[in-house]
Protein backbone atom coordinates (compact mmCIF):
# COMPACT_ATOMS: atom_id res chain seq x y z
CA UNK A 1 -11.13 -3.12 -16.21
CA UNK A 2 -8.83 -4.64 -13.59
CA UNK A 3 -5.94 -2.55 -12.31
CA UNK A 4 -2.74 -3.86 -10.78
CA UNK A 5 -1.36 -2.03 -7.75
CA UNK A 6 2.36 -2.02 -7.00
CA UNK A 7 4.80 -0.32 -4.69
CA UNK A 8 7.22 2.19 -6.20
CA UNK A 9 10.64 0.80 -7.19
CA UNK A 10 13.27 0.76 -4.39
CA UNK A 11 15.30 3.38 -6.26
CA UNK A 12 12.41 5.82 -5.76
CA UNK A 13 11.35 4.81 -2.26
CA UNK A 14 13.17 4.28 1.03
CA UNK A 15 11.11 2.47 3.66
CA UNK A 16 11.93 1.96 7.35
CA UNK A 17 9.83 0.13 9.93
CA UNK A 18 9.90 1.99 13.26
CA UNK A 19 7.83 0.55 16.12
CA UNK A 20 4.19 0.53 14.95
CA UNK A 21 4.79 2.91 12.06
CA UNK A 22 6.30 2.79 8.59
CA UNK A 23 8.41 5.75 7.49
CA UNK A 24 8.54 6.20 3.70
CA UNK A 25 10.81 8.64 1.91
CA UNK A 26 10.07 9.32 -1.76
CA UNK A 27 13.06 10.44 -3.84
CA UNK A 28 10.57 11.61 -6.49
CA UNK A 29 8.95 14.19 -4.26
CA UNK A 30 11.56 14.62 -1.51
CA UNK A 31 8.79 14.03 1.05
CA UNK A 32 8.76 11.75 4.07
CA UNK A 33 5.53 10.09 5.16
CA UNK A 34 4.71 8.29 8.41
CA UNK A 35 2.12 5.53 7.96
CA UNK A 36 0.15 3.90 10.74
CA UNK A 37 -0.76 0.20 10.97
CA UNK A 38 -3.22 -0.33 8.11
CA UNK A 39 -1.42 1.65 5.38
CA UNK A 40 1.82 0.01 6.56
CA UNK A 41 0.19 -3.43 6.17
CA UNK A 42 -0.89 -2.48 2.64
CA UNK A 43 2.65 -1.38 1.78
CA UNK A 44 4.07 -4.59 3.25
CA UNK A 45 1.65 -6.66 1.19
CA UNK A 46 2.57 -4.79 -1.98
CA UNK A 47 6.28 -5.16 -1.24
CA UNK A 48 5.81 -8.94 -1.54
CA UNK A 49 3.87 -8.84 -4.80
CA UNK A 50 1.85 -6.54 -7.01
CA UNK A 51 -1.76 -7.38 -7.72
CA UNK A 52 -5.36 -6.37 -8.24
CA UNK A 53 -7.29 -4.99 -5.30
CA UNK A 54 -9.19 -8.26 -4.70
CA UNK A 55 -5.92 -10.17 -4.32
CA UNK A 56 -4.53 -7.55 -1.94
CA UNK A 57 -7.76 -7.63 0.08
CA UNK A 58 -7.59 -11.43 0.40
CA UNK A 59 -3.99 -11.30 1.62
CA UNK A 60 -4.83 -8.59 4.16
CA UNK A 61 -7.95 -10.46 5.33
CA UNK A 62 -5.71 -13.38 6.29
CA UNK A 63 -3.67 -11.05 8.53
CA UNK A 64 -6.44 -8.88 9.99
CA UNK A 65 -9.77 -9.26 11.71
CA UNK A 66 -11.60 -7.17 9.09
CA UNK A 67 -13.27 -8.86 6.14
CA UNK A 68 -15.54 -8.24 3.20
CA UNK A 69 -16.96 -4.92 2.14
CA UNK A 70 -15.52 -2.82 4.98
CA UNK A 71 -12.00 -4.06 4.30
CA UNK A 72 -12.44 -3.40 0.57
CA UNK A 73 -13.65 0.18 1.20
CA UNK A 74 -10.76 0.84 3.59
CA UNK A 75 -8.29 -0.66 1.14
CA UNK A 76 -9.59 1.40 -1.79
CA UNK A 77 -9.27 4.57 0.28
CA UNK A 78 -5.74 3.76 1.45
CA UNK A 79 -4.53 2.78 -2.03
CA UNK A 80 -5.81 6.06 -3.49
CA UNK A 81 -4.13 8.02 -0.70
CA UNK A 82 -0.85 6.14 -1.16
CA UNK A 83 -1.08 6.78 -4.90
CA UNK A 84 -1.63 10.49 -4.25
CA UNK A 85 1.53 10.47 -2.08
CA UNK A 86 3.34 8.74 -4.98
CA UNK A 87 4.21 5.69 -2.86
CA UNK A 88 2.28 3.21 -5.04
CA UNK A 89 1.33 2.93 -8.69
CA UNK A 90 -1.78 1.67 -10.46
CA UNK A 91 -1.68 0.31 -14.00
CA UNK A 92 -4.08 -1.65 -16.19
CA UNK A 93 -3.65 -5.42 -16.03
């Protein structure tokens, strides 16, 4: 089954780009999170459009030097962590 990943709605998430970091405040949890470059790139990609992990990987591969299996493993890990922080959602396609 293919899942679609998406960023939380703007009403639930305040995002600010500061230097090389992304600061995300979740109104659902009241928590603030500071993301480094790769998770910030994932969030930026999802802010443009939702999609399955393969589509997100392809978009990120265009921007970064990483490709293939290593990028997919890193992306899976980051998406699960962002989901745990309630910054992104996953739903069936």
